[in-house]
Amino acid sequence: TLTAGVAHEIKNPLASISIHIQLIKKTMQGKE
């Protein structure tokens, strides 16, 4: 139960981190 809960809880922050890293890459794309 705990493992399933951890897997579920981890998904949201990982998704948020992924989105914001993509936004950072987009901001930096083609710029020195």
PDB file of all heavy atoms in Angstrom:
ATOM      1  N   THR A   1       0.828  -1.212   0.000  1.00  0.00           N
ATOM      2  CA  THR A   1       0.000   0.000   0.000  1.00  0.00           C
ATOM      3  C   THR A   1       0.857   1.254   0.000  1.00  0.00           C
ATOM      4  O   THR A   1       0.589   2.213  -0.743  1.00  0.00           O
ATOM      5  CB  THR A   1      -0.926   0.005   1.231  1.00  0.00           C
ATOM      6  OG1 THR A   1      -1.711  -1.188   1.235  1.00  0.00           O
ATOM      7  CG2 THR A   1      -1.845   1.213   1.219  1.00  0.00           C
ATOM      8  N   LEU A   2       1.895   1.243   0.855  1.00  0.00           N
ATOM      9  CA  LEU A   2       2.793   2.398   0.926  1.00  0.00           C
ATOM     10  C   LEU A   2       3.497   2.642  -0.398  1.00  0.00           C
ATOM     11  O   LEU A   2       3.611   3.781  -0.861  1.00  0.00           O
ATOM     12  CB  LEU A   2       3.838   2.184   2.035  1.00  0.00           C
ATOM     13  CG  LEU A   2       3.408   2.530   3.453  1.00  0.00           C
ATOM     14  CD1 LEU A   2       4.460   2.045   4.440  1.00  0.00           C
ATOM     15  CD2 LEU A   2       3.205   4.026   3.611  1.00  0.00           C
ATOM     16  N   THR A   3       3.978   1.570  -1.003  1.00  0.00           N
ATOM     17  CA  THR A   3       4.692   1.696  -2.274  1.00  0.00           C
ATOM     18  C   THR A   3       3.789   2.265  -3.355  1.00  0.00           C
ATOM     19  O   THR A   3       4.192   3.149  -4.126  1.00  0.00           O
ATOM     20  CB  THR A   3       5.242   0.324  -2.714  1.00  0.00           C
ATOM     21  OG1 THR A   3       6.064  -0.210  -1.673  1.00  0.00           O
ATOM     22  CG2 THR A   3       6.073   0.453  -3.977  1.00  0.00           C
ATOM     23  N   ALA A   4       2.558   1.769  -3.400  1.00  0.00           N
ATOM     24  CA  ALA A   4       1.604   2.291  -4.379  1.00  0.00           C
ATOM     25  C   ALA A   4       1.312   3.761  -4.117  1.00  0.00           C
ATOM     26  O   ALA A   4       1.210   4.575  -5.044  1.00  0.00           O
ATOM     27  CB  ALA A   4       0.310   1.477  -4.329  1.00  0.00           C
ATOM     28  N   GLY A   5       1.219   4.109  -2.819  1.00  0.00           N
ATOM     29  CA  GLY A   5       0.976   5.501  -2.462  1.00  0.00           C
ATOM     30  C   GLY A   5       2.127   6.403  -2.827  1.00  0.00           C
ATOM     31  O   GLY A   5       1.936   7.517  -3.330  1.00  0.00           O
ATOM     32  N   VAL A   6       3.359   5.925  -2.573  1.00  0.00           N
ATOM     33  CA  VAL A   6       4.550   6.709  -2.928  1.00  0.00           C
ATOM     34  C   VAL A   6       4.604   6.929  -4.430  1.00  0.00           C
ATOM     35  O   VAL A   6       4.879   8.039  -4.908  1.00  0.00           O
ATOM     36  CB  VAL A   6       5.833   6.002  -2.437  1.00  0.00           C
ATOM     37  CG1 VAL A   6       7.068   6.637  -3.063  1.00  0.00           C
ATOM     38  CG2 VAL A   6       5.931   6.084  -0.925  1.00  0.00           C
ATOM     39  N   ALA A   7       4.342   5.875  -5.192  1.00  0.00           N
ATOM     40  CA  ALA A   7       4.367   5.990  -6.661  1.00  0.00           C
ATOM     41  C   ALA A   7       3.362   7.038  -7.128  1.00  0.00           C
ATOM     42  O   ALA A   7       3.652   7.850  -8.022  1.00  0.00           O
ATOM     43  CB  ALA A   7       4.062   4.635  -7.295  1.00  0.00           C
ATOM     44  N   HIS A   8       2.184   7.028  -6.498  1.00  0.00           N
ATOM     45  CA  HIS A   8       1.160   7.999  -6.878  1.00  0.00           C
ATOM     46  C   HIS A   8       1.570   9.411  -6.488  1.00  0.00           C
ATOM     47  O   HIS A   8       1.409  10.366  -7.279  1.00  0.00           O
ATOM     48  CB  HIS A   8      -0.166   7.631  -6.202  1.00  0.00           C
ATOM     49  CG  HIS A   8      -1.266   8.614  -6.459  1.00  0.00           C
ATOM     50  ND1 HIS A   8      -1.935   8.681  -7.665  1.00  0.00           N
ATOM     51  CD2 HIS A   8      -1.799   9.587  -5.666  1.00  0.00           C
ATOM     52  CE1 HIS A   8      -2.838   9.650  -7.604  1.00  0.00           C
ATOM     53  NE2 HIS A   8      -2.783  10.202  -6.408  1.00  0.00           N
ATOM     54  N   GLU A   9       2.119   9.560  -5.264  1.00  0.00           N
ATOM     55  CA  GLU A   9       2.503  10.888  -4.774  1.00  0.00           C
ATOM     56  C   GLU A   9       3.660  11.478  -5.569  1.00  0.00           C
ATOM     57  O   GLU A   9       3.746  12.691  -5.742  1.00  0.00           O
ATOM     58  CB  GLU A   9       2.888  10.801  -3.290  1.00  0.00           C
ATOM     59  CG  GLU A   9       1.723  10.553  -2.352  1.00  0.00           C
ATOM     60  CD  GLU A   9       0.750  11.723  -2.329  1.00  0.00           C
ATOM     61  OE1 GLU A   9       1.197  12.875  -2.211  1.00  0.00           O
ATOM     62  OE2 GLU A   9      -0.463  11.477  -2.444  1.00  0.00           O
ATOM     63  N   ILE A  10       4.560  10.627  -6.027  1.00  0.00           N
ATOM     64  CA  ILE A  10       5.737  11.105  -6.745  1.00  0.00           C
ATOM     65  C   ILE A  10       5.374  11.620  -8.144  1.00  0.00           C
ATOM     66  O   ILE A  10       6.047  12.504  -8.685  1.00  0.00           O
ATOM     67  CB  ILE A  10       6.800   9.987  -6.826  1.00  0.00           C
ATOM     68  CG1 ILE A  10       7.513   9.853  -5.476  1.00  0.00           C
ATOM     69  CG2 ILE A  10       7.805  10.237  -7.929  1.00  0.00           C
ATOM     70  CD1 ILE A  10       8.505   8.727  -5.420  1.00  0.00           C
ATOM     71  N   LYS A  11       4.311  11.093  -8.707  1.00  0.00           N
ATOM     72  CA  LYS A  11       3.943  11.462 -10.084  1.00  0.00           C
ATOM     73  C   LYS A  11       3.717  12.964 -10.236  1.00  0.00           C
ATOM     74  O   LYS A  11       4.189  13.572 -11.200  1.00  0.00           O
ATOM     75  CB  LYS A  11       2.677  10.711 -10.506  1.00  0.00           C
ATOM     76  CG  LYS A  11       2.917   9.257 -10.885  1.00  0.00           C
ATOM     77  CD  LYS A  11       1.608   8.614 -11.340  1.00  0.00           C
ATOM     78  CE  LYS A  11       1.836   7.160 -11.738  1.00  0.00           C
ATOM     79  NZ  LYS A  11       0.574   6.518 -12.181  1.00  0.00           N
ATOM     80  N   ASN A  12       2.998  13.572  -9.308  1.00  0.00           N
ATOM     81  CA  ASN A  12       2.659  14.988  -9.441  1.00  0.00           C
ATOM     82  C   ASN A  12       3.885  15.902  -9.419  1.00  0.00           C
ATOM     83  O   ASN A  12       4.048  16.731 -10.319  1.00  0.00           O
ATOM     84  CB  ASN A  12       1.655  15.398  -8.359  1.00  0.00           C
ATOM     85  CG  ASN A  12       0.294  14.784  -8.586  1.00  0.00           C
ATOM     86  OD1 ASN A  12      -0.071  14.470  -9.716  1.00  0.00           O
ATOM     87  ND2 ASN A  12      -0.462  14.601  -7.519  1.00  0.00           N
ATOM     88  N   PRO A  13       4.777  15.802  -8.404  1.00  0.00           N
ATOM     89  CA  PRO A  13       5.963  16.669  -8.441  1.00  0.00           C
ATOM     90  C   PRO A  13       6.874  16.394  -9.631  1.00  0.00           C
ATOM     91  O   PRO A  13       7.474  17.313 -10.188  1.00  0.00           O
ATOM     92  CB  PRO A  13       6.664  16.379  -7.110  1.00  0.00           C
ATOM     93  CG  PRO A  13       6.084  15.130  -6.593  1.00  0.00           C
ATOM     94  CD  PRO A  13       4.701  15.051  -7.146  1.00  0.00           C
ATOM     95  N   LEU A  14       6.971  15.110 -10.046  1.00  0.00           N
ATOM     96  CA  LEU A  14       7.800  14.799 -11.215  1.00  0.00           C
ATOM     97  C   LEU A  14       7.226  15.443 -12.473  1.00  0.00           C
ATOM     98  O   LEU A  14       7.965  15.981 -13.307  1.00  0.00           O
ATOM     99  CB  LEU A  14       7.904  13.279 -11.402  1.00  0.00           C
ATOM    100  CG  LEU A  14       8.840  12.527 -10.462  1.00  0.00           C
ATOM    101  CD1 LEU A  14       8.812  11.037 -10.760  1.00  0.00           C
ATOM    102  CD2 LEU A  14      10.268  13.051 -10.567  1.00  0.00           C
ATOM    103  N   ALA A  15       5.904  15.401 -12.595  1.00  0.00           N
ATOM    104  CA  ALA A  15       5.264  16.026 -13.757  1.00  0.00           C
ATOM    105  C   ALA A  15       5.495  17.530 -13.749  1.00  0.00           C
ATOM    106  O   ALA A  15       5.788  18.142 -14.797  1.00  0.00           O
ATOM    107  CB  ALA A  15       3.775  15.719 -13.747  1.00  0.00           C
ATOM    108  N   SER A  16       5.388  18.135 -12.574  1.00  0.00           N
ATOM    109  CA  SER A  16       5.608  19.579 -12.462  1.00  0.00           C
ATOM    110  C   SER A  16       7.046  19.945 -12.795  1.00  0.00           C
ATOM    111  O   SER A  16       7.310  20.924 -13.515  1.00  0.00           O
ATOM    112  CB  SER A  16       5.263  20.044 -11.042  1.00  0.00           C
ATOM    113  OG  SER A  16       5.483  21.425 -10.904  1.00  0.00           O
ATOM    114  N   ILE A  17       8.003  19.161 -12.288  1.00  0.00           N
ATOM    115  CA  ILE A  17       9.419  19.406 -12.586  1.00  0.00           C
ATOM    116  C   ILE A  17       9.664  19.294 -14.087  1.00  0.00           C
ATOM    117  O   ILE A  17      10.355  20.130 -14.694  1.00  0.00           O
ATOM    118  CB  ILE A  17      10.303  18.406 -11.811  1.00  0.00           C
ATOM    119  CG1 ILE A  17      10.297  18.742 -10.317  1.00  0.00           C
ATOM    120  CG2 ILE A  17      11.740  18.431 -12.337  1.00  0.00           C
ATOM    121  CD1 ILE A  17      10.968  17.701  -9.453  1.00  0.00           C
ATOM    122  N   SER A  18       9.084  18.250 -14.691  1.00  0.00           N
ATOM    123  CA  SER A  18       9.263  18.045 -16.130  1.00  0.00           C
ATOM    124  C   SER A  18       8.739  19.236 -16.937  1.00  0.00           C
ATOM    125  O   SER A  18       9.392  19.721 -17.867  1.00  0.00           O
ATOM    126  CB  SER A  18       8.552  16.757 -16.555  1.00  0.00           C
ATOM    127  OG  SER A  18       8.652  16.572 -17.947  1.00  0.00           O
ATOM    128  N   ILE A  19       7.553  19.727 -16.560  1.00  0.00           N
ATOM    129  CA  ILE A  19       6.952  20.864 -17.284  1.00  0.00           C
ATOM    130  C   ILE A  19       7.831  22.110 -17.185  1.00  0.00           C
ATOM    131  O   ILE A  19       8.094  22.793 -18.191  1.00  0.00           O
ATOM    132  CB  ILE A  19       5.532  21.148 -16.738  1.00  0.00           C
ATOM    133  CG1 ILE A  19       4.573  20.019 -17.140  1.00  0.00           C
ATOM    134  CG2 ILE A  19       5.017  22.494 -17.238  1.00  0.00           C
ATOM    135  CD1 ILE A  19       3.226  20.095 -16.457  1.00  0.00           C
ATOM    136  N   HIS A  20       8.300  22.413 -15.999  1.00  0.00           N
ATOM    137  CA  HIS A  20       9.077  23.639 -15.803  1.00  0.00           C
ATOM    138  C   HIS A  20      10.477  23.538 -16.418  1.00  0.00           C
ATOM    139  O   HIS A  20      11.037  24.551 -16.852  1.00  0.00           O
ATOM    140  CB  HIS A  20       9.139  23.989 -14.318  1.00  0.00           C
ATOM    141  CG  HIS A  20       7.853  24.583 -13.800  1.00  0.00           C
ATOM    142  ND1 HIS A  20       7.556  25.916 -13.920  1.00  0.00           N
ATOM    143  CD2 HIS A  20       6.778  24.005 -13.212  1.00  0.00           C
ATOM    144  CE1 HIS A  20       6.369  26.151 -13.403  1.00  0.00           C
ATOM    145  NE2 HIS A  20       5.869  24.990 -12.960  1.00  0.00           N
ATOM    146  N   ILE A  21      11.036  22.347 -16.460  1.00  0.00           N
ATOM    147  CA  ILE A  21      12.317  22.184 -17.160  1.00  0.00           C
ATOM    148  C   ILE A  21      12.115  22.424 -18.656  1.00  0.00           C
ATOM    149  O   ILE A  21      12.952  23.061 -19.320  1.00  0.00           O
ATOM    150  CB  ILE A  21      12.897  20.777 -16.891  1.00  0.00           C
ATOM    151  CG1 ILE A  21      13.425  20.696 -15.458  1.00  0.00           C
ATOM    152  CG2 ILE A  21      14.021  20.466 -17.881  1.00  0.00           C
ATOM    153  CD1 ILE A  21      13.948  19.340 -15.066  1.00  0.00           C
ATOM    154  N   GLN A  22      10.999  21.917 -19.192  1.00  0.00           N
ATOM    155  CA  GLN A  22      10.696  22.172 -20.613  1.00  0.00           C
ATOM    156  C   GLN A  22      10.519  23.666 -20.874  1.00  0.00           C
ATOM    157  O   GLN A  22      10.967  24.192 -21.901  1.00  0.00           O
ATOM    158  CB  GLN A  22       9.434  21.411 -21.014  1.00  0.00           C
ATOM    159  CG  GLN A  22       9.617  19.895 -21.087  1.00  0.00           C
ATOM    160  CD  GLN A  22       8.319  19.179 -21.404  1.00  0.00           C
ATOM    161  OE1 GLN A  22       7.447  19.735 -22.062  1.00  0.00           O
ATOM    162  NE2 GLN A  22       8.210  17.939 -20.935  1.00  0.00           N
ATOM    163  N   LEU A  23       9.865  24.384 -19.952  1.00  0.00           N
ATOM    164  CA  LEU A  23       9.679  25.826 -20.097  1.00  0.00           C
ATOM    165  C   LEU A  23      11.021  26.564 -20.039  1.00  0.00           C
ATOM    166  O   LEU A  23      11.233  27.549 -20.762  1.00  0.00           O
ATOM    167  CB  LEU A  23       8.732  26.349 -19.012  1.00  0.00           C
ATOM    168  CG  LEU A  23       7.271  25.910 -19.147  1.00  0.00           C
ATOM    169  CD1 LEU A  23       6.464  26.324 -17.917  1.00  0.00           C
ATOM    170  CD2 LEU A  23       6.648  26.503 -20.413  1.00  0.00           C
ATOM    171  N   ILE A  24      11.912  26.081 -19.181  1.00  0.00           N
ATOM    172  CA  ILE A  24      13.258  26.685 -19.106  1.00  0.00           C
ATOM    173  C   ILE A  24      13.996  26.478 -20.428  1.00  0.00           C
ATOM    174  O   ILE A  24      14.635  27.390 -20.966  1.00  0.00           O
ATOM    175  CB  ILE A  24      14.047  26.090 -17.923  1.00  0.00           C
ATOM    176  CG1 ILE A  24      13.447  26.554 -16.583  1.00  0.00           C
ATOM    177  CG2 ILE A  24      15.526  26.496 -18.002  1.00  0.00           C
ATOM    178  CD1 ILE A  24      14.037  25.866 -15.377  1.00  0.00           C
ATOM    179  N   LYS A  25      13.914  25.230 -20.949  1.00  0.00           N
ATOM    180  CA  LYS A  25      14.572  24.933 -22.233  1.00  0.00           C
ATOM    181  C   LYS A  25      14.001  25.819 -23.351  1.00  0.00           C
ATOM    182  O   LYS A  25      14.742  26.312 -24.209  1.00  0.00           O
ATOM    183  CB  LYS A  25      14.374  23.462 -22.595  1.00  0.00           C
ATOM    184  CG  LYS A  25      15.206  22.500 -21.767  1.00  0.00           C
ATOM    185  CD  LYS A  25      14.950  21.069 -22.215  1.00  0.00           C
ATOM    186  CE  LYS A  25      15.821  20.082 -21.438  1.00  0.00           C
ATOM    187  NZ  LYS A  25      15.566  18.684 -21.872  1.00  0.00           N
ATOM    188  N   LYS A  26      12.677  25.997 -23.347  1.00  0.00           N
ATOM    189  CA  LYS A  26      12.035  26.821 -24.375  1.00  0.00           C
ATOM    190  C   LYS A  26      12.499  28.269 -24.273  1.00  0.00           C
ATOM    191  O   LYS A  26      12.723  28.938 -25.297  1.00  0.00           O
ATOM    192  CB  LYS A  26      10.521  26.737 -24.212  1.00  0.00           C
ATOM    193  CG  LYS A  26       9.744  27.438 -25.318  1.00  0.00           C
ATOM    194  CD  LYS A  26       8.256  27.239 -25.144  1.00  0.00           C
ATOM    195  CE  LYS A  26       7.478  27.931 -26.243  1.00  0.00           C
ATOM    196  NZ  LYS A  26       6.002  27.740 -26.091  1.00  0.00           N
ATOM    197  N   THR A  27      12.644  28.740 -23.022  1.00  0.00           N
ATOM    198  CA  THR A  27      13.107  30.115 -22.814  1.00  0.00           C
ATOM    199  C   THR A  27      14.540  30.292 -23.306  1.00  0.00           C
ATOM    200  O   THR A  27      14.919  31.352 -23.836  1.00  0.00           O
ATOM    201  CB  THR A  27      13.010  30.476 -21.317  1.00  0.00           C
ATOM    202  OG1 THR A  27      11.675  30.297 -20.871  1.00  0.00           O
ATOM    203  CG2 THR A  27      13.418  31.918 -21.072  1.00  0.00           C
ATOM    204  N   MET A  28      15.363  29.245 -23.129  1.00  0.00           N
ATOM    205  CA  MET A  28      16.784  29.318 -23.487  1.00  0.00           C
ATOM    206  C   MET A  28      17.046  28.984 -24.951  1.00  0.00           C
ATOM    207  O   MET A  28      18.140  29.260 -25.464  1.00  0.00           O
ATOM    208  CB  MET A  28      17.590  28.345 -22.603  1.00  0.00           C
ATOM    209  CG  MET A  28      17.554  28.692 -21.122  1.00  0.00           C
ATOM    210  SD  MET A  28      18.360  27.433 -20.110  1.00  0.00           S
ATOM    211  CE  MET A  28      20.016  27.474 -20.755  1.00  0.00           C
ATOM    212  N   GLN A  29      16.065  28.405 -25.616  1.00  0.00           N
ATOM    213  CA  GLN A  29      16.279  27.901 -26.983  1.00  0.00           C
ATOM    214  C   GLN A  29      16.683  29.029 -27.946  1.00  0.00           C
ATOM    215  O   GLN A  29      16.011  30.057 -28.056  1.00  0.00           O
ATOM    216  CB  GLN A  29      15.000  27.223 -27.492  1.00  0.00           C
ATOM    217  CG  GLN A  29      15.200  26.462 -28.786  1.00  0.00           C
ATOM    218  CD  GLN A  29      13.953  25.664 -29.162  1.00  0.00           C
ATOM    219  OE1 GLN A  29      12.901  25.822 -28.552  1.00  0.00           O
ATOM    220  NE2 GLN A  29      14.089  24.817 -30.165  1.00  0.00           N
ATOM    221  N   GLY A  30      17.804  28.809 -28.624  1.00  0.00           N
ATOM    222  CA  GLY A  30      18.300  29.743 -29.637  1.00  0.00           C
ATOM    223  C   GLY A  30      18.896  31.012 -29.075  1.00  0.00           C
ATOM    224  O   GLY A  30      19.173  31.955 -29.846  1.00  0.00           O
ATOM    225  N   LYS A  31      19.121  31.087 -27.789  1.00  0.00           N
ATOM    226  CA  LYS A  31      19.677  32.297 -27.176  1.00  0.00           C
ATOM    227  C   LYS A  31      21.023  31.993 -26.540  1.00  0.00           C
ATOM    228  O   LYS A  31      21.224  30.924 -25.957  1.00  0.00           O
ATOM    229  CB  LYS A  31      18.715  32.851 -26.128  1.00  0.00           C
ATOM    230  CG  LYS A  31      17.353  33.246 -26.699  1.00  0.00           C
ATOM    231  CD  LYS A  31      16.425  33.732 -25.604  1.00  0.00           C
ATOM    232  CE  LYS A  31      15.051  34.072 -26.167  1.00  0.00           C
ATOM    233  NZ  LYS A  31      14.112  34.488 -25.109  1.00  0.00           N
ATOM    234  N   GLU A  32      21.941  32.954 -26.648  1.00  0.00           N
ATOM    235  CA  GLU A  32      23.262  32.785 -26.036  1.00  0.00           C
ATOM    236  C   GLU A  32      23.213  33.106 -24.543  1.00  0.00           C
ATOM    237  O   GLU A  32      23.991  32.569 -23.755  1.00  0.00           O
ATOM    238  CB  GLU A  32      24.275  33.691 -26.725  1.00  0.00           C
ATOM    239  CG  GLU A  32      24.560  33.290 -28.171  1.00  0.00           C
ATOM    240  CD  GLU A  32      25.652  34.160 -28.789  1.00  0.00           C
ATOM    241  OE1 GLU A  32      26.171  35.038 -28.061  1.00  0.00           O
ATOM    242  OE2 GLU A  32      25.961  33.953 -29.953  1.00  0.00           O
TER     243      GLU A  32
END
